[in-house]
Amino acid sequence: MTETNQTLGFIGIGLMGKPMVYRLLSAGFKVNIWNRSSDKLASIVSAGASAFDSIAPLVAASDVIILCLKDTDVVEDVVLNHILGCGKFGQLLIDLSSIDPQKTRDLAAVLFDKCGVSWVDAPVSGGVYGAEQGNLAIMAGGAETDIAIARVILAPLYKQLTHMGAVGSGQITKICNQMIVSCNVMVIAEMMALAKSAGVNAEKIAGALEGGFADSKPLQILAPEMATETFEPVKWRVQTLLKDLNMAVNLASKQASSIPMSGLAAQLMQLHASKGYAMQDPSTLIKLFGENDA
């Protein structure tokens, strides 16, 4: 099952899913696709994918099922109400979504016990640009044999794939990743607002800090957008960072671990989302610190 001629069933054609499917098709995989909103599928079908009207026949026609979905609730619904009844022994499910680690373990156990489908949680980091370029970072949880299959299947998508441990370990690592990313994004917004109000040419900030200790990919992407208030196209969403920060808070509570920085970031992200920015790009966070923001 490590051959690249396996048929893939890809569920979830969103901001990340769409460029991923294009890359899988370009690598020579046969890809079956399903999305809740079918209007997003026409261009991918033109590129060679096969669209399905429902999930069950897609699962039946695929060797490996790949999920790239919004959140824990959506993954749970798709698995329990659509895959569980038609999964086949020996199939592998690879979940690229970022969801709750314990729910991942629970769903993986049910799926294997009921129909013999194995699970790899493989959340990704790198955003839409990383998906388009095939240089995502993937943190994976699962059995060694399943990880070996995932490495081949996902090869067109990543720069590095790290096996972090048993099922659920990938999701925990992604939460750690998002704690750093979210706090970084928040302080970049705070810093850019300060620089602009203090009279600095904010458009030069990213270049001035490049290569120094303050440099980061979020800085190089977001600082120019914040400087010019260029908030479109949307490459990722405020609600995604908020979802992941809330999972960090929940995980820390279960582990009796203190995460004051991420906890504050979650509160500020929630405040920004509540002002109508949930579906907007995180570059809009500069408005949270702007002098005209209520």
Protein backbone atom coordinates (compact mmCIF):
# COMPACT_ATOMS: atom_id res chain seq x y z
CA MET A 1 0.00 0.00 0.00
CA THR A 2 2.99 2.27 -0.23
CA GLU A 3 2.77 2.57 -4.02
CA THR A 4 1.80 5.93 -5.48
CA ASN A 5 -0.95 4.34 -7.58
CA GLN A 6 -3.32 4.25 -4.62
CA THR A 7 -6.66 5.99 -5.17
CA LEU A 8 -7.21 8.83 -2.74
CA GLY A 9 -10.53 10.07 -1.41
CA PHE A 10 -10.15 13.73 -0.41
CA ILE A 11 -12.89 15.24 1.77
CA GLY A 12 -12.89 19.01 2.30
CA ILE A 13 -11.97 21.39 -0.53
CA GLY A 14 -11.32 24.64 1.33
CA LEU A 15 -8.50 27.18 1.36
CA MET A 16 -5.96 24.44 2.12
CA GLY A 17 -7.67 21.45 0.53
CA LYS A 18 -7.87 22.86 -2.97
CA PRO A 19 -4.14 23.45 -3.56
CA MET A 20 -3.38 20.13 -1.88
CA VAL A 21 -5.58 18.24 -4.33
CA TYR A 22 -3.94 20.02 -7.27
CA ARG A 23 -0.53 18.89 -6.07
CA LEU A 24 -1.69 15.30 -5.52
CA LEU A 25 -3.12 15.23 -9.03
CA SER A 26 0.09 16.66 -10.46
CA ALA A 27 2.04 13.90 -8.67
CA GLY A 28 0.02 11.29 -10.54
CA PHE A 29 -2.47 10.20 -7.91
CA LYS A 30 -6.05 9.41 -8.80
CA VAL A 31 -8.09 11.62 -6.50
CA ASN A 32 -11.78 11.34 -5.66
CA ILE A 33 -13.20 14.48 -4.04
CA TRP A 34 -16.20 15.56 -2.00
CA ASN A 35 -17.07 18.92 -0.50
CA ARG A 36 -20.13 20.21 1.30
CA SER A 37 -20.31 23.06 -1.23
CA SER A 38 -20.07 21.39 -4.62
CA ASP A 39 -19.64 24.70 -6.46
CA LYS A 40 -15.97 24.69 -5.45
CA LEU A 41 -15.22 21.49 -7.35
CA ALA A 42 -15.51 22.40 -11.03
CA SER A 43 -11.93 23.62 -11.53
CA ILE A 44 -10.50 20.60 -9.71
CA VAL A 45 -12.59 18.22 -11.78
CA SER A 46 -11.20 19.93 -14.87
CA ALA A 47 -7.73 19.17 -13.52
CA GLY A 48 -8.53 15.46 -13.32
CA ALA A 49 -10.25 14.79 -10.01
CA SER A 50 -13.46 12.75 -9.79
CA ALA A 51 -16.25 14.48 -7.85
CA PHE A 52 -18.72 12.49 -5.75
CA ASP A 53 -22.16 13.62 -4.62
CA SER A 54 -21.85 11.88 -1.25
CA ILE A 55 -19.17 10.47 1.01
CA ALA A 56 -20.10 6.77 1.14
CA PRO A 57 -19.40 5.99 -2.54
CA LEU A 58 -16.20 8.04 -2.36
CA VAL A 59 -15.01 5.90 0.55
CA ALA A 60 -15.94 2.71 -1.31
CA ALA A 61 -13.95 3.83 -4.37
CA SER A 62 -10.82 4.93 -2.49
CA ASP A 63 -7.86 3.23 -0.82
CA VAL A 64 -6.82 6.12 1.40
CA ILE A 65 -9.24 8.69 2.84
CA ILE A 66 -7.89 12.19 3.48
CA LEU A 67 -9.76 14.73 5.57
CA CYS A 68 -9.09 18.47 5.51
CA LEU A 69 -11.99 19.88 7.50
CA LYS A 70 -12.91 22.91 9.56
CA ASP A 71 -12.92 21.65 13.13
CA THR A 72 -13.52 18.79 15.56
CA ASP A 73 -17.29 18.76 15.17
CA VAL A 74 -17.13 18.50 11.38
CA VAL A 75 -14.57 15.69 11.49
CA GLU A 76 -16.67 13.81 14.05
CA ASP A 77 -19.79 14.16 11.90
CA VAL A 78 -18.06 12.98 8.73
CA VAL A 79 -16.43 10.00 10.45
CA LEU A 80 -19.35 8.77 12.55
CA ASN A 81 -22.20 9.52 10.17
CA HIS A 82 -20.59 8.91 6.79
CA ILE A 83 -17.37 6.86 6.95
CA LEU A 84 -18.03 4.48 9.83
CA GLY A 85 -20.75 2.60 7.98
CA CYS A 86 -18.78 2.03 4.79
CA GLY A 87 -15.11 1.91 5.72
CA LYS A 88 -13.23 -1.26 4.76
CA PHE A 89 -10.62 -3.27 6.62
CA GLY A 90 -7.14 -2.21 5.53
CA GLN A 91 -8.05 1.32 4.51
CA LEU A 92 -6.17 4.26 6.01
CA LEU A 93 -7.65 7.59 7.05
CA ILE A 94 -5.27 10.55 7.13
CA ASP A 95 -6.67 13.58 8.93
CA LEU A 96 -5.00 16.85 7.91
CA SER A 97 -7.47 18.86 9.99
CA SER A 98 -6.47 20.50 13.27
CA ILE A 99 -8.78 19.04 15.90
CA ASP A 100 -8.97 17.98 19.54
CA PRO A 101 -6.35 15.32 20.43
CA GLN A 102 -8.61 13.23 22.68
CA LYS A 103 -11.44 13.28 20.16
CA THR A 104 -8.88 12.14 17.57
CA ARG A 105 -7.99 9.14 19.75
CA ASP A 106 -11.65 8.33 20.36
CA LEU A 107 -12.62 8.51 16.68
CA ALA A 108 -9.57 6.49 15.63
CA ALA A 109 -10.43 3.75 18.12
CA VAL A 110 -14.06 3.55 17.02
CA LEU A 111 -13.16 3.50 13.33
CA PHE A 112 -10.63 0.71 13.77
CA ASP A 113 -12.82 -1.37 16.09
CA LYS A 114 -15.90 -1.13 13.86
CA CYS A 115 -14.42 -1.48 10.38
CA GLY A 116 -10.65 -1.96 10.58
CA VAL A 117 -9.71 1.47 9.19
CA SER A 118 -6.42 2.83 10.59
CA TRP A 119 -5.85 6.49 11.45
CA VAL A 120 -3.01 8.97 11.09
CA ASP A 121 -3.50 12.46 12.45
CA ALA A 122 -1.35 14.71 10.28
CA PRO A 123 -2.17 18.39 10.87
CA VAL A 124 -0.17 20.81 8.76
CA SER A 125 1.54 24.16 9.18
CA GLY A 126 2.51 26.58 6.43
CA GLY A 127 -0.77 28.06 5.27
CA VAL A 128 -2.13 28.28 1.75
CA TYR A 129 1.24 29.32 0.34
CA GLY A 130 2.86 26.25 1.87
CA ALA A 131 0.15 24.04 0.40
CA GLU A 132 0.60 25.59 -3.03
CA GLN A 133 4.38 25.19 -2.94
CA GLY A 134 4.40 21.74 -1.34
CA ASN A 135 6.59 22.79 1.57
CA LEU A 136 4.24 22.28 4.49
CA ALA A 137 5.42 21.04 7.86
CA ILE A 138 3.40 18.00 8.94
CA MET A 139 3.35 16.64 12.48
CA ALA A 140 1.95 13.12 12.51
CA GLY A 141 0.59 10.65 15.02
CA GLY A 142 -0.03 6.95 14.36
CA ALA A 143 1.55 3.52 13.99
CA GLU A 144 4.90 3.27 12.20
CA THR A 145 3.43 1.24 9.32
CA ASP A 146 0.65 3.79 8.78
CA ILE A 147 3.08 6.71 8.98
CA ALA A 148 5.18 5.05 6.27
CA ILE A 149 2.16 5.04 3.97
CA ALA A 150 1.31 8.64 4.85
CA ARG A 151 4.86 9.73 3.98
CA VAL A 152 4.41 8.47 0.42
CA ILE A 153 0.85 9.69 -0.04
CA LEU A 154 1.55 13.16 1.33
CA ALA A 155 5.01 13.59 -0.25
CA PRO A 156 3.77 16.19 -2.78
CA LEU A 157 2.58 18.38 0.10
CA TYR A 158 5.37 18.64 2.62
CA LYS A 159 8.93 19.76 3.23
CA GLN A 160 9.10 17.73 6.40
CA LEU A 161 6.88 15.16 8.06
CA THR A 162 7.76 14.26 11.65
CA HIS A 163 6.36 11.20 13.41
CA MET A 164 5.53 12.51 16.89
CA GLY A 165 4.19 9.31 18.46
CA ALA A 166 0.88 7.49 18.78
CA VAL A 167 -2.44 8.70 17.37
CA GLY A 168 -3.22 12.13 18.81
CA SER A 169 0.42 13.19 19.09
CA GLY A 170 0.26 15.09 15.82
CA GLN A 171 -2.68 17.13 17.08
CA ILE A 172 -0.93 17.98 20.34
CA THR A 173 2.13 19.12 18.39
CA LYS A 174 -0.06 21.26 16.13
CA ILE A 175 -1.56 22.93 19.19
CA CYS A 176 1.97 23.75 20.35
CA ASN A 177 2.72 25.14 16.89
CA GLN A 178 -0.37 27.32 16.96
CA MET A 179 0.44 28.70 20.39
CA ILE A 180 3.66 30.10 18.94
CA VAL A 181 2.07 31.25 15.68
CA SER A 182 -0.92 32.93 17.33
CA CYS A 183 1.08 34.77 19.96
CA ASN A 184 3.52 35.82 17.24
CA VAL A 185 0.73 37.14 15.03
CA MET A 186 -0.78 39.04 17.94
CA VAL A 187 2.46 40.79 18.89
CA ILE A 188 3.19 41.58 15.21
CA ALA A 189 -0.17 43.36 15.02
CA GLU A 190 0.55 45.19 18.28
CA MET A 191 4.01 46.17 17.09
CA MET A 192 2.86 47.35 13.66
CA ALA A 193 0.14 49.52 15.15
CA LEU A 194 2.70 51.09 17.49
CA ALA A 195 5.21 51.67 14.69
CA LYS A 196 2.60 53.36 12.51
CA SER A 197 1.32 55.59 15.30
CA ALA A 198 4.90 56.57 16.21
CA GLY A 199 5.63 57.74 12.68
CA VAL A 200 7.85 54.90 11.42
CA ASN A 201 7.55 53.89 7.77
CA ALA A 202 5.79 50.63 8.59
CA GLU A 203 6.25 49.26 5.09
CA LYS A 204 9.97 48.92 5.85
CA ILE A 205 9.53 46.96 9.09
CA ALA A 206 9.62 43.46 7.58
CA GLY A 207 12.78 44.22 5.58
CA ALA A 208 14.48 45.95 8.50
CA LEU A 209 13.95 42.95 10.79
CA GLU A 210 14.66 40.24 8.22
CA GLY A 211 17.38 37.86 9.38
CA GLY A 212 17.37 39.14 12.96
CA PHE A 213 16.06 37.41 16.07
CA ALA A 214 12.63 39.01 15.57
CA ASP A 215 12.23 37.59 12.08
CA SER A 216 9.65 34.91 11.27
CA LYS A 217 7.50 33.74 8.40
CA PRO A 218 4.40 35.38 9.94
CA LEU A 219 6.32 38.65 10.20
CA GLN A 220 7.36 38.57 6.53
CA ILE A 221 3.83 37.69 5.40
CA LEU A 222 1.72 39.82 7.73
CA ALA A 223 3.77 42.96 8.40
CA PRO A 224 3.61 44.24 4.79
CA GLU A 225 -0.12 43.51 4.66
CA MET A 226 -0.71 45.29 7.97
CA ALA A 227 1.41 48.24 6.83
CA THR A 228 -0.71 48.79 3.73
CA GLU A 229 -3.95 47.37 5.18
CA THR A 230 -4.13 44.81 2.39
CA PHE A 231 -6.42 42.21 3.91
CA GLU A 232 -7.36 40.23 0.81
CA PRO A 233 -7.11 37.64 -0.53
CA VAL A 234 -7.81 35.73 2.68
CA LYS A 235 -5.06 33.12 3.10
CA TRP A 236 -6.13 31.83 6.52
CA ARG A 237 -8.76 32.92 8.99
CA VAL A 238 -8.99 34.50 12.43
CA GLN A 239 -11.47 31.81 13.49
CA THR A 240 -8.90 29.12 12.71
CA LEU A 241 -6.34 30.63 15.08
CA LEU A 242 -9.06 31.14 17.68
CA LYS A 243 -10.15 27.50 17.41
CA ASP A 244 -6.59 26.31 17.94
CA LEU A 245 -5.95 28.68 20.83
CA ASN A 246 -9.11 27.45 22.54
CA MET A 247 -7.87 23.88 22.13
CA ALA A 248 -4.58 24.96 23.73
CA VAL A 249 -6.46 26.41 26.69
CA ASN A 250 -8.51 23.22 27.05
CA LEU A 251 -5.46 20.97 26.80
CA ALA A 252 -3.56 23.06 29.33
CA SER A 253 -6.51 22.83 31.73
CA LYS A 254 -6.52 19.02 31.46
CA GLN A 255 -2.77 18.92 32.04
CA ALA A 256 -2.91 21.46 34.89
CA SER A 257 -0.42 23.54 32.91
CA SER A 258 -0.25 27.33 32.93
CA ILE A 259 -0.29 29.10 29.54
CA PRO A 260 -0.87 32.79 30.35
CA MET A 261 0.46 34.14 27.04
CA SER A 262 -1.69 31.86 24.90
CA GLY A 263 -4.65 32.40 27.21
CA LEU A 264 -4.44 36.17 26.70
CA ALA A 265 -4.00 35.69 22.96
CA ALA A 266 -7.18 33.59 22.93
CA GLN A 267 -9.12 36.37 24.67
CA LEU A 268 -7.83 39.03 22.28
CA MET A 269 -8.52 36.80 19.27
CA GLN A 270 -12.07 36.24 20.52
CA LEU A 271 -12.54 39.99 20.92
CA HIS A 272 -11.37 40.58 17.35
CA ALA A 273 -13.55 37.78 15.98
CA SER A 274 -16.58 39.19 17.81
CA LYS A 275 -16.18 42.45 15.89
CA GLY A 276 -16.90 40.73 12.60
CA TYR A 277 -13.43 39.54 11.66
CA ALA A 278 -13.81 35.80 12.31
CA MET A 279 -13.75 34.92 8.61
CA GLN A 280 -11.11 37.52 7.76
CA ASP A 281 -7.36 37.19 7.40
CA PRO A 282 -5.29 37.55 10.61
CA SER A 283 -3.62 40.60 9.04
CA THR A 284 -6.78 42.42 10.14
CA LEU A 285 -5.61 42.04 13.76
CA ILE A 286 -3.84 45.38 13.40
CA LYS A 287 -7.29 46.91 13.66
CA LEU A 288 -7.56 45.53 17.19
CA PHE A 289 -4.77 47.89 18.22
CA GLY A 290 -5.57 50.76 15.85
CA GLU A 291 -6.48 54.15 17.27
CA ASN A 292 -9.84 54.16 15.47
CA ASP A 293 -10.87 50.66 16.58
CA ALA A 294 -13.64 50.63 19.15
